[in-house]
C-alpha atoms as a PDB file:
ATOM      1  CA  MET A   1      25.070  62.093   7.940  1.00  0.00           C
ATOM      2  CA  ALA A   2      22.747  64.571   9.326  1.00  0.00           C
ATOM      3  CA  GLN A   3      23.336  68.184   8.742  1.00  0.00           C
ATOM      4  CA  LYS A   4      21.985  71.490   9.602  1.00  0.00           C
ATOM      5  CA  VAL A   5      21.282  73.652   6.521  1.00  0.00           C
ATOM      6  CA  ARG A   6      20.424  77.326   6.309  1.00  0.00           C
ATOM      7  CA  ILE A   7      18.670  78.737   3.455  1.00  0.00           C
ATOM      8  CA  ILE A   8      19.558  82.252   2.470  1.00  0.00           C
ATOM      9  CA  GLY A   9      17.852  83.796  -0.473  1.00  0.00           C
ATOM     10  CA  VAL A  10      19.677  86.666  -2.496  1.00  0.00           C
ATOM     11  CA  PRO A  11      16.873  87.850  -5.092  1.00  0.00           C
ATOM     12  CA  MET A  12      19.856  89.989  -6.940  1.00  0.00           C
ATOM     13  CA  ASP A  13      19.710  90.650 -10.455  1.00  0.00           C
ATOM     14  CA  LEU A  14      22.279  93.485 -10.688  1.00  0.00           C
ATOM     15  CA  GLY A  15      25.037  91.378 -11.928  1.00  0.00           C
ATOM     16  CA  GLN A  16      23.468  90.755 -15.694  1.00  0.00           C
ATOM     17  CA  SER A  17      21.156  92.507 -18.229  1.00  0.00           C
ATOM     18  CA  ARG A  18      18.450  90.269 -18.251  1.00  0.00           C
ATOM     19  CA  ARG A  19      15.663  90.546 -15.969  1.00  0.00           C
ATOM     20  CA  GLY A  20      14.283  87.787 -14.214  1.00  0.00           C
ATOM     21  CA  VAL A  21      16.961  85.905 -12.248  1.00  0.00           C
ATOM     22  CA  ASP A  22      15.707  87.799  -8.942  1.00  0.00           C
ATOM     23  CA  MET A  23      12.837  85.448  -8.868  1.00  0.00           C
ATOM     24  CA  GLY A  24      15.320  82.584  -8.648  1.00  0.00           C
ATOM     25  CA  PRO A  25      15.030  81.866  -4.897  1.00  0.00           C
ATOM     26  CA  SER A  26      11.352  82.099  -5.141  1.00  0.00           C
ATOM     27  CA  ALA A  27      11.277  79.551  -7.930  1.00  0.00           C
ATOM     28  CA  LEU A  28      13.394  76.962  -5.616  1.00  0.00           C
ATOM     29  CA  ARG A  29      11.312  77.468  -2.985  1.00  0.00           C
ATOM     30  CA  GLY A  30       8.399  76.695  -4.951  1.00  0.00           C
ATOM     31  CA  ALA A  31       9.849  73.613  -6.413  1.00  0.00           C
ATOM     32  CA  GLY A  32       9.826  71.943  -2.548  1.00  0.00           C
ATOM     33  CA  LEU A  33      13.356  72.793  -1.826  1.00  0.00           C
ATOM     34  CA  GLN A  34      12.803  72.694   2.056  1.00  0.00           C
ATOM     35  CA  THR A  35      10.412  69.613   2.337  1.00  0.00           C
ATOM     36  CA  ALA A  36      12.711  67.733   0.138  1.00  0.00           C
ATOM     37  CA  ILE A  37      15.970  68.492   2.254  1.00  0.00           C
ATOM     38  CA  LYS A  38      13.829  67.764   5.391  1.00  0.00           C
ATOM     39  CA  LYS A  39      13.110  64.407   3.928  1.00  0.00           C
ATOM     40  CA  LEU A  40      16.799  63.388   3.989  1.00  0.00           C
ATOM     41  CA  GLY A  41      16.964  63.698   7.147  1.00  0.00           C
ATOM     42  CA  HIS A  42      18.800  67.083   7.688  1.00  0.00           C
ATOM     43  CA  THR A  43      17.625  70.072   9.861  1.00  0.00           C
ATOM     44  CA  VAL A  44      16.611  72.987   7.717  1.00  0.00           C
ATOM     45  CA  GLU A  45      16.035  76.758   8.676  1.00  0.00           C
ATOM     46  CA  ASP A  46      14.637  79.091   6.189  1.00  0.00           C
ATOM     47  CA  ILE A  47      16.009  82.479   6.836  1.00  0.00           C
ATOM     48  CA  GLY A  48      14.301  84.497   3.653  1.00  0.00           C
ATOM     49  CA  ASN A  49      15.514  86.630   1.203  1.00  0.00           C
ATOM     50  CA  LEU A  50      18.470  89.435   2.085  1.00  0.00           C
ATOM     51  CA  GLU A  51      17.576  92.644   0.835  1.00  0.00           C
ATOM     52  CA  VAL A  52      18.591  93.798  -2.682  1.00  0.00           C
ATOM     53  CA  LYS A  53      18.077  97.229  -4.164  1.00  0.00           C
ATOM     54  CA  GLN A  54      16.161  96.862  -7.558  1.00  0.00           C
ATOM     55  CA  PRO A  55      17.795  98.207 -11.146  1.00  0.00           C
ATOM     56  CA  GLU A  56      14.914 100.523 -11.453  1.00  0.00           C
ATOM     57  CA  GLU A  57      16.032 102.296  -8.117  1.00  0.00           C
ATOM     58  CA  MET A  58      19.198 103.809  -9.103  1.00  0.00           C
ATOM     59  CA  PRO A  59      21.707 104.800 -11.896  1.00  0.00           C
ATOM     60  CA  VAL A  60      24.055 101.805 -13.501  1.00  0.00           C
ATOM     61  CA  GLY A  61      27.474 103.882 -12.248  1.00  0.00           C
ATOM     62  CA  GLU A  62      30.760 102.824 -13.813  1.00  0.00           C
ATOM     63  CA  LYS A  63      29.655 101.567 -17.266  1.00  0.00           C
ATOM     64  CA  ARG A  64      32.582  98.725 -16.931  1.00  0.00           C
ATOM     65  CA  ALA A  65      30.913  97.470 -13.973  1.00  0.00           C
ATOM     66  CA  LYS A  66      27.296  98.082 -13.684  1.00  0.00           C
ATOM     67  CA  TYR A  67      25.934  98.408 -10.058  1.00  0.00           C
ATOM     68  CA  LEU A  68      29.242  97.929  -8.579  1.00  0.00           C
ATOM     69  CA  GLN A  69      28.367  99.754  -5.118  1.00  0.00           C
ATOM     70  CA  GLU A  70      24.853  98.103  -4.552  1.00  0.00           C
ATOM     71  CA  ILE A  71      26.496  94.824  -5.792  1.00  0.00           C
ATOM     72  CA  ALA A  72      29.296  95.211  -3.156  1.00  0.00           C
ATOM     73  CA  GLU A  73      27.037  96.219  -0.246  1.00  0.00           C
ATOM     74  CA  THR A  74      24.720  92.750  -1.032  1.00  0.00           C
ATOM     75  CA  CYS A  75      28.037  90.748  -1.161  1.00  0.00           C
ATOM     76  CA  GLN A  76      29.070  92.310   2.126  1.00  0.00           C
ATOM     77  CA  ASP A  77      25.780  91.246   3.690  1.00  0.00           C
ATOM     78  CA  ILE A  78      25.954  87.760   2.416  1.00  0.00           C
ATOM     79  CA  SER A  79      29.437  87.313   3.427  1.00  0.00           C
ATOM     80  CA  LYS A  80      28.213  88.114   6.990  1.00  0.00           C
ATOM     81  CA  THR A  81      24.974  86.045   6.723  1.00  0.00           C
ATOM     82  CA  VAL A  82      27.305  82.868   5.623  1.00  0.00           C
ATOM     83  CA  GLU A  83      29.918  83.580   7.692  1.00  0.00           C
ATOM     84  CA  LYS A  84      27.332  83.576  10.822  1.00  0.00           C
ATOM     85  CA  SER A  85      26.049  80.747   9.342  1.00  0.00           C
ATOM     86  CA  LEU A  86      28.949  78.472   9.362  1.00  0.00           C
ATOM     87  CA  ALA A  87      29.910  79.656  13.021  1.00  0.00           C
ATOM     88  CA  GLU A  88      26.309  78.354  14.203  1.00  0.00           C
ATOM     89  CA  GLY A  89      27.027  75.163  12.533  1.00  0.00           C
ATOM     90  CA  PHE A  90      25.017  75.384   9.571  1.00  0.00           C
ATOM     91  CA  LEU A  91      25.916  74.609   5.797  1.00  0.00           C
ATOM     92  CA  PRO A  92      24.799  77.664   3.806  1.00  0.00           C
ATOM     93  CA  LEU A  93      22.963  76.789   1.177  1.00  0.00           C
ATOM     94  CA  VAL A  94      22.679  80.550  -1.254  1.00  0.00           C
ATOM     95  CA  LEU A  95      19.870  80.673  -3.272  1.00  0.00           C
ATOM     96  CA  GLY A  96      20.198  83.092  -6.163  1.00  0.00           C
ATOM     97  CA  GLY A  97      20.051  85.500  -8.265  1.00  0.00           C
ATOM     98  CA  ASP A  98      22.812  86.267 -10.714  1.00  0.00           C
ATOM     99  CA  HIS A  99      26.353  84.738 -10.184  1.00  0.00           C
ATOM    100  CA  SER A 100      28.086  88.016  -8.622  1.00  0.00           C
ATOM    101  CA  ILE A 101      26.536  86.839  -5.385  1.00  0.00           C
ATOM    102  CA  ALA A 102      29.258  84.144  -5.298  1.00  0.00           C
ATOM    103  CA  VAL A 103      31.805  87.165  -4.138  1.00  0.00           C
ATOM    104  CA  GLY A 104      30.018  87.345  -1.026  1.00  0.00           C
ATOM    105  CA  ALA A 105      29.326  83.902  -0.335  1.00  0.00           C
ATOM    106  CA  ALA A 106      33.096  83.059  -0.869  1.00  0.00           C
ATOM    107  CA  ALA A 107      34.186  85.540   1.564  1.00  0.00           C
ATOM    108  CA  GLY A 108      32.320  84.541   4.076  1.00  0.00           C
ATOM    109  CA  VAL A 109      33.203  81.044   3.733  1.00  0.00           C
ATOM    110  CA  ALA A 110      37.183  81.922   3.599  1.00  0.00           C
ATOM    111  CA  SER A 111      36.687  84.195   6.725  1.00  0.00           C
ATOM    112  CA  HIS A 112      35.053  81.676   8.515  1.00  0.00           C
ATOM    113  CA  PHE A 113      38.013  78.963   7.587  1.00  0.00           C
ATOM    114  CA  ARG A 114      40.718  81.747   8.037  1.00  0.00           C
ATOM    115  CA  GLN A 115      39.978  81.911  11.976  1.00  0.00           C
ATOM    116  CA  GLN A 116      40.804  78.329  11.724  1.00  0.00           C
ATOM    117  CA  LYS A 117      44.310  78.884   9.919  1.00  0.00           C
ATOM    118  CA  LYS A 118      42.569  77.055   6.861  1.00  0.00           C
ATOM    119  CA  GLU A 119      42.115  77.464   3.006  1.00  0.00           C
ATOM    120  CA  ILE A 120      38.961  76.408   1.090  1.00  0.00           C
ATOM    121  CA  GLY A 121      38.514  74.471  -1.771  1.00  0.00           C
ATOM    122  CA  TYR A 122      35.848  76.312  -4.690  1.00  0.00           C
ATOM    123  CA  LEU A 123      34.412  73.918  -6.936  1.00  0.00           C
ATOM    124  CA  TRP A 124      32.956  76.363 -10.156  1.00  0.00           C
ATOM    125  CA  LEU A 125      30.461  74.291 -12.233  1.00  0.00           C
ATOM    126  CA  ASP A 126      29.527  76.804 -14.947  1.00  0.00           C
ATOM    127  CA  ALA A 127      29.434  77.207 -18.806  1.00  0.00           C
ATOM    128  CA  HIS A 128      31.339  80.229 -18.361  1.00  0.00           C
ATOM    129  CA  GLY A 129      34.521  81.209 -16.564  1.00  0.00           C
ATOM    130  CA  ASP A 130      33.464  84.407 -14.868  1.00  0.00           C
ATOM    131  CA  MET A 131      36.934  85.872 -14.927  1.00  0.00           C
ATOM    132  CA  ASN A 132      36.522  89.011 -16.748  1.00  0.00           C
ATOM    133  CA  THR A 133      37.521  92.125 -14.777  1.00  0.00           C
ATOM    134  CA  PRO A 134      36.248  95.734 -15.518  1.00  0.00           C
ATOM    135  CA  GLU A 135      38.991  96.109 -18.196  1.00  0.00           C
ATOM    136  CA  SER A 136      38.195  92.842 -20.141  1.00  0.00           C
ATOM    137  CA  SER A 137      34.642  92.540 -19.775  1.00  0.00           C
ATOM    138  CA  PRO A 138      32.693  93.126 -23.258  1.00  0.00           C
ATOM    139  CA  SER A 139      29.349  94.368 -21.333  1.00  0.00           C
ATOM    140  CA  GLY A 140      30.374  95.445 -17.838  1.00  0.00           C
ATOM    141  CA  ASN A 141      27.908  93.001 -16.272  1.00  0.00           C
ATOM    142  CA  ILE A 142      29.878  91.642 -12.779  1.00  0.00           C
ATOM    143  CA  HIS A 143      28.194  88.291 -13.248  1.00  0.00           C
ATOM    144  CA  GLY A 144      30.842  87.490 -15.455  1.00  0.00           C
ATOM    145  CA  MET A 145      33.588  88.581 -13.157  1.00  0.00           C
ATOM    146  CA  PRO A 146      33.137  86.920  -9.690  1.00  0.00           C
ATOM    147  CA  LEU A 147      36.000  84.215  -9.846  1.00  0.00           C
ATOM    148  CA  ALA A 148      38.098  86.766 -10.991  1.00  0.00           C
ATOM    149  CA  ASP A 149      37.321  88.987  -7.951  1.00  0.00           C
ATOM    150  CA  ILE A 150      37.513  85.959  -5.405  1.00  0.00           C
ATOM    151  CA  MET A 151      40.895  85.201  -6.817  1.00  0.00           C
ATOM    152  CA  GLY A 152      41.732  89.003  -6.433  1.00  0.00           C
ATOM    153  CA  TYR A 153      41.494  90.382  -9.811  1.00  0.00           C
ATOM    154  CA  GLY A 154      39.081  93.358 -10.332  1.00  0.00           C
ATOM    155  CA  ALA A 155      37.249  96.014  -8.613  1.00  0.00           C
ATOM    156  CA  ALA A 156      38.564  96.810  -5.133  1.00  0.00           C
ATOM    157  CA  GLU A 157      35.231  96.944  -3.800  1.00  0.00           C
ATOM    158  CA  LEU A 158      34.509  93.314  -4.380  1.00  0.00           C
ATOM    159  CA  VAL A 159      38.449  91.859  -4.429  1.00  0.00           C
ATOM    160  CA  GLU A 160      39.053  93.400  -0.720  1.00  0.00           C
ATOM    161  CA  LEU A 161      35.578  92.354   0.436  1.00  0.00           C
ATOM    162  CA  GLY A 162      36.301  91.247   4.264  1.00  0.00           C
ATOM    163  CA  GLY A 163      39.593  92.717   4.230  1.00  0.00           C
ATOM    164  CA  PHE A 164      41.719  89.925   2.524  1.00  0.00           C
ATOM    165  CA  LYS A 165      42.493  88.788  -0.792  1.00  0.00           C
ATOM    166  CA  PRO A 166      42.426  85.857  -2.492  1.00  0.00           C
ATOM    167  CA  LYS A 167      39.336  84.298  -1.115  1.00  0.00           C
ATOM    168  CA  ALA A 168      40.806  80.881  -2.102  1.00  0.00           C
ATOM    169  CA  GLU A 169      44.069  79.700  -3.585  1.00  0.00           C
ATOM    170  CA  PRO A 170      44.134  79.127  -7.179  1.00  0.00           C
ATOM    171  CA  GLY A 171      45.732  75.765  -7.163  1.00  0.00           C
ATOM    172  CA  ASN A 172      42.682  74.690  -5.112  1.00  0.00           C
ATOM    173  CA  ILE A 173      39.839  76.540  -7.522  1.00  0.00           C
ATOM    174  CA  VAL A 174      38.378  74.429 -10.465  1.00  0.00           C
ATOM    175  CA  ILE A 175      36.174  75.250 -13.136  1.00  0.00           C
ATOM    176  CA  VAL A 176      33.932  72.472 -14.420  1.00  0.00           C
ATOM    177  CA  GLY A 177      31.903  72.504 -17.434  1.00  0.00           C
ATOM    178  CA  ALA A 178      33.404  75.364 -19.260  1.00  0.00           C
ATOM    179  CA  ARG A 179      32.440  76.061 -22.985  1.00  0.00           C
ATOM    180  CA  ASP A 180      32.272  80.015 -23.334  1.00  0.00           C
ATOM    181  CA  LEU A 181      34.946  82.009 -22.864  1.00  0.00           C
ATOM    182  CA  ASP A 182      35.633  85.327 -23.959  1.00  0.00           C
ATOM    183  CA  ALA A 183      38.912  85.959 -26.133  1.00  0.00           C
ATOM    184  CA  GLN A 184      40.406  88.393 -22.884  1.00  0.00           C
ATOM    185  CA  GLU A 185      38.873  85.934 -20.319  1.00  0.00           C
ATOM    186  CA  ARG A 186      40.992  83.153 -21.924  1.00  0.00           C
ATOM    187  CA  LYS A 187      44.199  84.874 -21.284  1.00  0.00           C
ATOM    188  CA  ILE A 188      43.285  85.572 -17.485  1.00  0.00           C
ATOM    189  CA  VAL A 189      41.981  82.131 -16.663  1.00  0.00           C
ATOM    190  CA  LYS A 190      45.590  80.619 -18.419  1.00  0.00           C
ATOM    191  CA  LYS A 191      47.294  83.261 -16.419  1.00  0.00           C
ATOM    192  CA  SER A 192      45.740  82.556 -13.174  1.00  0.00           C
ATOM    193  CA  GLY A 193      46.726  79.102 -12.667  1.00  0.00           C
ATOM    194  CA  VAL A 194      43.172  77.655 -12.094  1.00  0.00           C
ATOM    195  CA  HIS A 195      42.122  74.125 -13.115  1.00  0.00           C
ATOM    196  CA  VAL A 196      40.031  74.396 -15.848  1.00  0.00           C
ATOM    197  CA  PHE A 197      37.955  70.849 -17.176  1.00  0.00           C
ATOM    198  CA  THR A 198      36.090  72.196 -20.198  1.00  0.00           C
ATOM    199  CA  MET A 199      33.231  70.196 -21.796  1.00  0.00           C
ATOM    200  CA  ARG A 200      35.881  68.290 -24.349  1.00  0.00           C
ATOM    201  CA  ASP A 201      37.433  66.954 -21.369  1.00  0.00           C
ATOM    202  CA  ILE A 202      34.200  65.759 -20.015  1.00  0.00           C
ATOM    203  CA  ASP A 203      33.452  64.382 -23.467  1.00  0.00           C
ATOM    204  CA  GLU A 204      36.678  62.753 -23.698  1.00  0.00           C
ATOM    205  CA  ARG A 205      37.184  61.470 -20.320  1.00  0.00           C
ATOM    206  CA  GLY A 206      33.936  61.052 -18.469  1.00  0.00           C
ATOM    207  CA  MET A 207      32.439  63.079 -15.769  1.00  0.00           C
ATOM    208  CA  ARG A 208      33.603  60.632 -13.144  1.00  0.00           C
ATOM    209  CA  ASP A 209      37.493  60.770 -14.186  1.00  0.00           C
ATOM    210  CA  VAL A 210      36.928  64.660 -14.261  1.00  0.00           C
ATOM    211  CA  MET A 211      35.152  65.244 -11.258  1.00  0.00           C
ATOM    212  CA  SER A 212      37.598  62.735  -9.110  1.00  0.00           C
ATOM    213  CA  GLU A 213      40.359  64.884 -10.218  1.00  0.00           C
ATOM    214  CA  ALA A 214      38.351  68.617  -9.697  1.00  0.00           C
ATOM    215  CA  LEU A 215      37.578  67.500  -6.121  1.00  0.00           C
ATOM    216  CA  LYS A 216      41.167  66.229  -5.875  1.00  0.00           C
ATOM    217  CA  TYR A 217      42.501  69.972  -6.305  1.00  0.00           C
ATOM    218  CA  ALA A 218      39.543  71.285  -4.370  1.00  0.00           C
ATOM    219  CA  MET A 219      40.525  69.290  -1.396  1.00  0.00           C
ATOM    220  CA  ASP A 220      43.974  69.468  -1.197  1.00  0.00           C
ATOM    221  CA  ASP A 221      45.116  70.731   2.049  1.00  0.00           C
ATOM    222  CA  THR A 222      41.671  72.718   2.042  1.00  0.00           C
ATOM    223  CA  GLY A 223      39.331  72.559   5.401  1.00  0.00           C
ATOM    224  CA  GLY A 224      36.699  72.177   2.303  1.00  0.00           C
ATOM    225  CA  ILE A 225      34.954  72.731  -0.464  1.00  0.00           C
ATOM    226  CA  ALA A 226      32.662  75.594  -1.487  1.00  0.00           C
ATOM    227  CA  VAL A 227      30.138  74.721  -4.182  1.00  0.00           C
ATOM    228  CA  SER A 228      29.225  77.178  -6.859  1.00  0.00           C
ATOM    229  CA  LEU A 229      26.593  75.768  -9.039  1.00  0.00           C
ATOM    230  CA  ASP A 230      25.438  77.816 -12.277  1.00  0.00           C
ATOM    231  CA  MET A 231      22.133  76.270 -13.822  1.00  0.00           C
ATOM    232  CA  ASP A 232      23.872  76.820 -17.203  1.00  0.00           C
ATOM    233  CA  PHE A 233      26.726  74.318 -16.190  1.00  0.00           C
ATOM    234  CA  VAL A 234      23.700  72.072 -17.235  1.00  0.00           C
ATOM    235  CA  ASP A 235      22.474  71.702 -20.815  1.00  0.00           C
ATOM    236  CA  PRO A 236      19.657  74.015 -21.824  1.00  0.00           C
ATOM    237  CA  SER A 237      17.527  70.849 -22.962  1.00  0.00           C
ATOM    238  CA  ASP A 238      17.392  70.236 -19.432  1.00  0.00           C
ATOM    239  CA  ALA A 239      17.794  73.621 -17.829  1.00  0.00           C
ATOM    240  CA  PRO A 240      16.326  76.093 -20.024  1.00  0.00           C
ATOM    241  CA  GLY A 241      15.485  79.038 -17.731  1.00  0.00           C
ATOM    242  CA  VAL A 242      18.999  80.305 -17.351  1.00  0.00           C
ATOM    243  CA  GLY A 243      20.223  83.585 -18.282  1.00  0.00           C
ATOM    244  CA  THR A 244      22.835  82.724 -20.761  1.00  0.00           C
ATOM    245  CA  PRO A 245      22.209  79.441 -22.020  1.00  0.00           C
ATOM    246  CA  VAL A 246      25.129  77.755 -24.071  1.00  0.00           C
ATOM    247  CA  ARG A 247      24.313  74.765 -26.182  1.00  0.00           C
ATOM    248  CA  GLY A 248      26.592  71.336 -25.227  1.00  0.00           C
ATOM    249  CA  GLY A 249      26.072  71.542 -21.509  1.00  0.00           C
ATOM    250  CA  VAL A 250      26.474  68.435 -19.256  1.00  0.00           C
ATOM    251  CA  THR A 251      23.712  65.715 -19.110  1.00  0.00           C
ATOM    252  CA  TYR A 252      20.869  65.316 -16.531  1.00  0.00           C
ATOM    253  CA  ARG A 253      23.011  62.093 -15.172  1.00  0.00           C
ATOM    254  CA  GLU A 254      26.218  63.737 -15.300  1.00  0.00           C
ATOM    255  CA  ALA A 255      25.118  66.918 -13.345  1.00  0.00           C
ATOM    256  CA  HIS A 256      23.791  64.412 -10.807  1.00  0.00           C
ATOM    257  CA  LEU A 257      26.917  62.391 -10.786  1.00  0.00           C
ATOM    258  CA  ALA A 258      28.857  65.415 -10.095  1.00  0.00           C
ATOM    259  CA  MET A 259      26.669  66.281  -7.092  1.00  0.00           C
ATOM    260  CA  GLU A 260      26.794  62.729  -5.941  1.00  0.00           C
ATOM    261  CA  MET A 261      30.532  62.409  -5.994  1.00  0.00           C
ATOM    262  CA  ILE A 262      30.722  65.934  -3.962  1.00  0.00           C
ATOM    263  CA  ALA A 263      28.621  64.508  -1.275  1.00  0.00           C
ATOM    264  CA  ASP A 264      30.636  61.217  -1.411  1.00  0.00           C
ATOM    265  CA  THR A 265      33.416  63.276   0.108  1.00  0.00           C
ATOM    266  CA  GLU A 266      31.478  65.073   2.774  1.00  0.00           C
ATOM    267  CA  SER A 267      33.654  67.835   2.597  1.00  0.00           C
ATOM    268  CA  MET A 268      31.354  70.259   1.163  1.00  0.00           C
ATOM    269  CA  VAL A 269      30.980  73.494   3.414  1.00  0.00           C
ATOM    270  CA  SER A 270      28.583  75.670   1.474  1.00  0.00           C
ATOM    271  CA  MET A 271      26.900  75.622  -1.742  1.00  0.00           C
ATOM    272  CA  GLU A 272      25.059  78.266  -4.046  1.00  0.00           C
ATOM    273  CA  VAL A 273      22.420  77.945  -6.542  1.00  0.00           C
ATOM    274  CA  LEU A 274      22.567  80.673  -9.198  1.00  0.00           C
ATOM    275  CA  GLU A 275      21.100  82.065 -12.539  1.00  0.00           C
ATOM    276  CA  ILE A 276      17.875  80.369 -12.656  1.00  0.00           C
ATOM    277  CA  ASN A 277      15.484  82.845 -14.408  1.00  0.00           C
ATOM    278  CA  PRO A 278      11.841  81.967 -14.284  1.00  0.00           C
ATOM    279  CA  ILE A 279      10.596  84.173 -17.197  1.00  0.00           C
ATOM    280  CA  LEU A 280      12.619  82.022 -19.626  1.00  0.00           C
ATOM    281  CA  ASP A 281      11.683  78.564 -17.919  1.00  0.00           C
ATOM    282  CA  GLU A 282       9.211  75.770 -18.910  1.00  0.00           C
ATOM    283  CA  HIS A 283       6.764  74.766 -16.016  1.00  0.00           C
ATOM    284  CA  ASN A 284       9.763  75.787 -13.358  1.00  0.00           C
ATOM    285  CA  ARG A 285      11.646  72.722 -14.753  1.00  0.00           C
ATOM    286  CA  THR A 286      15.218  74.290 -14.100  1.00  0.00           C
ATOM    287  CA  ALA A 287      14.384  75.207 -10.295  1.00  0.00           C
ATOM    288  CA  LEU A 288      12.849  71.455  -9.867  1.00  0.00           C
ATOM    289  CA  LEU A 289      16.463  70.120 -11.443  1.00  0.00           C
ATOM    290  CA  GLY A 290      18.064  72.741  -9.199  1.00  0.00           C
ATOM    291  CA  VAL A 291      16.269  71.276  -5.938  1.00  0.00           C
ATOM    292  CA  GLU A 292      17.195  67.541  -7.163  1.00  0.00           C
ATOM    293  CA  LEU A 293      20.920  68.743  -7.673  1.00  0.00           C
ATOM    294  CA  VAL A 294      20.614  70.059  -4.217  1.00  0.00           C
ATOM    295  CA  LEU A 295      19.365  66.927  -2.724  1.00  0.00           C
ATOM    296  CA  SER A 296      22.419  64.903  -4.517  1.00  0.00           C
ATOM    297  CA  ALA A 297      25.037  67.103  -3.123  1.00  0.00           C
ATOM    298  CA  LEU A 298      23.488  66.660   0.255  1.00  0.00           C
ATOM    299  CA  GLY A 299      23.775  62.901   0.079  1.00  0.00           C
ATOM    300  CA  GLN A 300      20.460  61.481  -1.736  1.00  0.00           C
ATOM    301  CA  LYS A 301      21.557  58.319  -3.047  1.00  0.00           C
ATOM    302  CA  ILE A 302      19.600  55.914  -5.986  1.00  0.00           C
ATOM    303  CA  LEU A 303      19.840  53.065  -3.492  1.00  0.00           C
END
């Protein structure tokens, strides 16, 4: 099914302490993203990068939530851009940057669907839970907090984005691929009511079984699914260029299967590809894989 896709670059690395993810959008574009999507038969528009401040330009601010003001401002911009894209009939494809961007993307998607009195489902494909709050975070890095913000826990500047919370109901939020949660974060995850499929679930049940259940939760009575793909979802042997790699991730084929199953539902309404760090990559492998996974999510089939 031909779609209109709008590429939105967000070169933000304020949410984490290792420099380099701000080059993620360039790496994905350099890996031929736009041409590849066009070849699938979709219309593509690349609006370039949103303006993001550099860490060198300003103070860290509150230690428990570093660069909170600047991240909130960028997320506000992302939210407006995503909402406008959806209103104009485009699927927003947000290129990160670190995972704190997801708060802005979620606010934009949720605002658009709220106008139609609809909820959204959220698929969070990630090695981490990203559900710390400023109180629980060991590092104060906001890229470990966005899912908590989306669910209404955390700093008001992010939680209240768009003037409403939560951005999605816990029962419609699904984390897949988790294998590295902080001790405090585990409590938040358990209390929150989100569905979590860890690597053990994938080991035991296989990706097909896990994804079909995950999609069922995300699609239950929702207007569509927002997909947040942190490249550390994939094992570092296939995706070495990420800021926080964790061994034992999903394989190359499992990642493709997850995306292909998302495409089969025809319910994806937005997508983010995040946390690619070209400084840590080998020959742009992680970005090239990112492009492949976007294509699978947009309907590329083997046959």
